[in-house]
Amino acid sequence: MAKNTNRLKVLRASANLSQLDTAIEAGIPQHRYWLIENGYREPTPDERSTLAKIFKVAESEVFQTPAAEATR
């Protein structure tokens, strides 16, 4: 999940958003977003979709699917 977390941080910084701003836009608590961004929690499918929309990228550009991770 480290790749996902690094990608989230890069996208958030590129969008000039704080963790709080991102969490508010995603409709989740800041602590929940922090856990996702730092690799302590997997985002739900809805959170994946919402975060991809916030950063204006495809989900696959941010998150690896478990099947894709297993083949690496």
C-alpha atoms as a PDB file:
ATOM      1  CA  MET A   1       0.000   0.000   0.000  1.00  0.00           C
ATOM      2  CA  ALA A   2       3.023   2.321   0.210  1.00  0.00           C
ATOM      3  CA  LYS A   3       2.691   3.261  -3.457  1.00  0.00           C
ATOM      4  CA  ASN A   4      -0.917   4.310  -2.858  1.00  0.00           C
ATOM      5  CA  THR A   5       0.020   6.468   0.095  1.00  0.00           C
ATOM      6  CA  ASN A   6       2.839   8.216  -1.730  1.00  0.00           C
ATOM      7  CA  ARG A   7       0.573   8.859  -4.715  1.00  0.00           C
ATOM      8  CA  LEU A   8      -2.121  10.370  -2.496  1.00  0.00           C
ATOM      9  CA  LYS A   9       0.399  12.710  -0.896  1.00  0.00           C
ATOM     10  CA  VAL A  10       1.737  13.801  -4.289  1.00  0.00           C
ATOM     11  CA  LEU A  11      -1.739  14.379  -5.719  1.00  0.00           C
ATOM     12  CA  ARG A  12      -2.861  16.279  -2.643  1.00  0.00           C
ATOM     13  CA  ALA A  13       0.226  18.495  -2.719  1.00  0.00           C
ATOM     14  CA  SER A  14      -0.235  19.102  -6.460  1.00  0.00           C
ATOM     15  CA  ALA A  15      -3.832  20.141  -5.806  1.00  0.00           C
ATOM     16  CA  ASN A  16      -2.599  22.473  -3.063  1.00  0.00           C
ATOM     17  CA  LEU A  17      -4.923  20.853  -0.518  1.00  0.00           C
ATOM     18  CA  SER A  18      -4.349  20.116   3.144  1.00  0.00           C
ATOM     19  CA  GLN A  19      -5.384  16.802   4.639  1.00  0.00           C
ATOM     20  CA  LEU A  20      -8.289  18.618   6.272  1.00  0.00           C
ATOM     21  CA  ASP A  21      -9.407  20.172   2.967  1.00  0.00           C
ATOM     22  CA  THR A  22      -9.223  16.784   1.264  1.00  0.00           C
ATOM     23  CA  ALA A  23     -11.133  15.051   4.038  1.00  0.00           C
ATOM     24  CA  ILE A  24     -13.872  17.690   3.978  1.00  0.00           C
ATOM     25  CA  GLU A  25     -14.226  17.385   0.203  1.00  0.00           C
ATOM     26  CA  ALA A  26     -14.331  13.590   0.512  1.00  0.00           C
ATOM     27  CA  GLY A  27     -16.915  13.753   3.285  1.00  0.00           C
ATOM     28  CA  ILE A  28     -14.797  11.785   5.752  1.00  0.00           C
ATOM     29  CA  PRO A  29     -13.188  12.682   9.079  1.00  0.00           C
ATOM     30  CA  GLN A  30      -9.673  14.105   8.839  1.00  0.00           C
ATOM     31  CA  HIS A  31      -8.305  11.279  10.966  1.00  0.00           C
ATOM     32  CA  ARG A  32      -9.794   8.712   8.559  1.00  0.00           C
ATOM     33  CA  TYR A  33      -8.121  10.453   5.620  1.00  0.00           C
ATOM     34  CA  TRP A  34      -4.825  10.577   7.531  1.00  0.00           C
ATOM     35  CA  LEU A  35      -5.065   6.817   8.159  1.00  0.00           C
ATOM     36  CA  ILE A  36      -5.657   6.179   4.446  1.00  0.00           C
ATOM     37  CA  GLU A  37      -2.921   8.518   3.248  1.00  0.00           C
ATOM     38  CA  ASN A  38      -0.393   7.041   5.675  1.00  0.00           C
ATOM     39  CA  GLY A  39      -1.207   3.437   4.839  1.00  0.00           C
ATOM     40  CA  TYR A  40      -2.946   2.399   8.032  1.00  0.00           C
ATOM     41  CA  ARG A  41      -6.375   1.856   6.451  1.00  0.00           C
ATOM     42  CA  GLU A  42      -7.593   0.792   3.045  1.00  0.00           C
ATOM     43  CA  PRO A  43     -10.120   3.189   1.550  1.00  0.00           C
ATOM     44  CA  THR A  44     -13.588   1.867   0.855  1.00  0.00           C
ATOM     45  CA  PRO A  45     -14.682   1.649  -2.785  1.00  0.00           C
ATOM     46  CA  ASP A  46     -16.691   4.863  -2.303  1.00  0.00           C
ATOM     47  CA  GLU A  47     -13.690   6.639  -0.777  1.00  0.00           C
ATOM     48  CA  ARG A  48     -11.505   5.481  -3.683  1.00  0.00           C
ATOM     49  CA  SER A  49     -13.973   6.879  -6.182  1.00  0.00           C
ATOM     50  CA  THR A  50     -14.414  10.154  -4.321  1.00  0.00           C
ATOM     51  CA  LEU A  51     -10.681  10.733  -3.863  1.00  0.00           C
ATOM     52  CA  ALA A  52     -10.009  10.025  -7.536  1.00  0.00           C
ATOM     53  CA  LYS A  53     -12.677  12.602  -8.456  1.00  0.00           C
ATOM     54  CA  ILE A  54     -11.194  15.176  -6.076  1.00  0.00           C
ATOM     55  CA  PHE A  55      -7.779  14.765  -7.704  1.00  0.00           C
ATOM     56  CA  LYS A  56      -9.290  14.497 -11.213  1.00  0.00           C
ATOM     57  CA  VAL A  57      -7.588  11.199 -12.041  1.00  0.00           C
ATOM     58  CA  ALA A  58      -8.704   7.633 -12.667  1.00  0.00           C
ATOM     59  CA  GLU A  59      -8.891   5.402  -9.611  1.00  0.00           C
ATOM     60  CA  SER A  60      -6.271   3.148 -11.190  1.00  0.00           C
ATOM     61  CA  GLU A  61      -3.836   6.071 -11.199  1.00  0.00           C
ATOM     62  CA  VAL A  62      -4.079   6.316  -7.423  1.00  0.00           C
ATOM     63  CA  PHE A  63      -4.971   2.874  -6.121  1.00  0.00           C
ATOM     64  CA  GLN A  64      -3.765  -0.571  -7.025  1.00  0.00           C
ATOM     65  CA  THR A  65      -6.323  -3.329  -6.906  1.00  0.00           C
ATOM     66  CA  PRO A  66      -5.508  -6.293  -4.644  1.00  0.00           C
ATOM     67  CA  ALA A  67      -5.217  -8.530  -7.725  1.00  0.00           C
ATOM     68  CA  ALA A  68      -2.688  -6.165  -9.291  1.00  0.00           C
ATOM     69  CA  GLU A  69      -0.665  -6.067  -6.070  1.00  0.00           C
ATOM     70  CA  ALA A  70      -0.610  -9.876  -5.890  1.00  0.00           C
ATOM     71  CA  THR A  71       0.977 -10.159  -9.339  1.00  0.00           C
ATOM     72  CA  ARG A  72       3.866  -7.846  -8.451  1.00  0.00           C
END
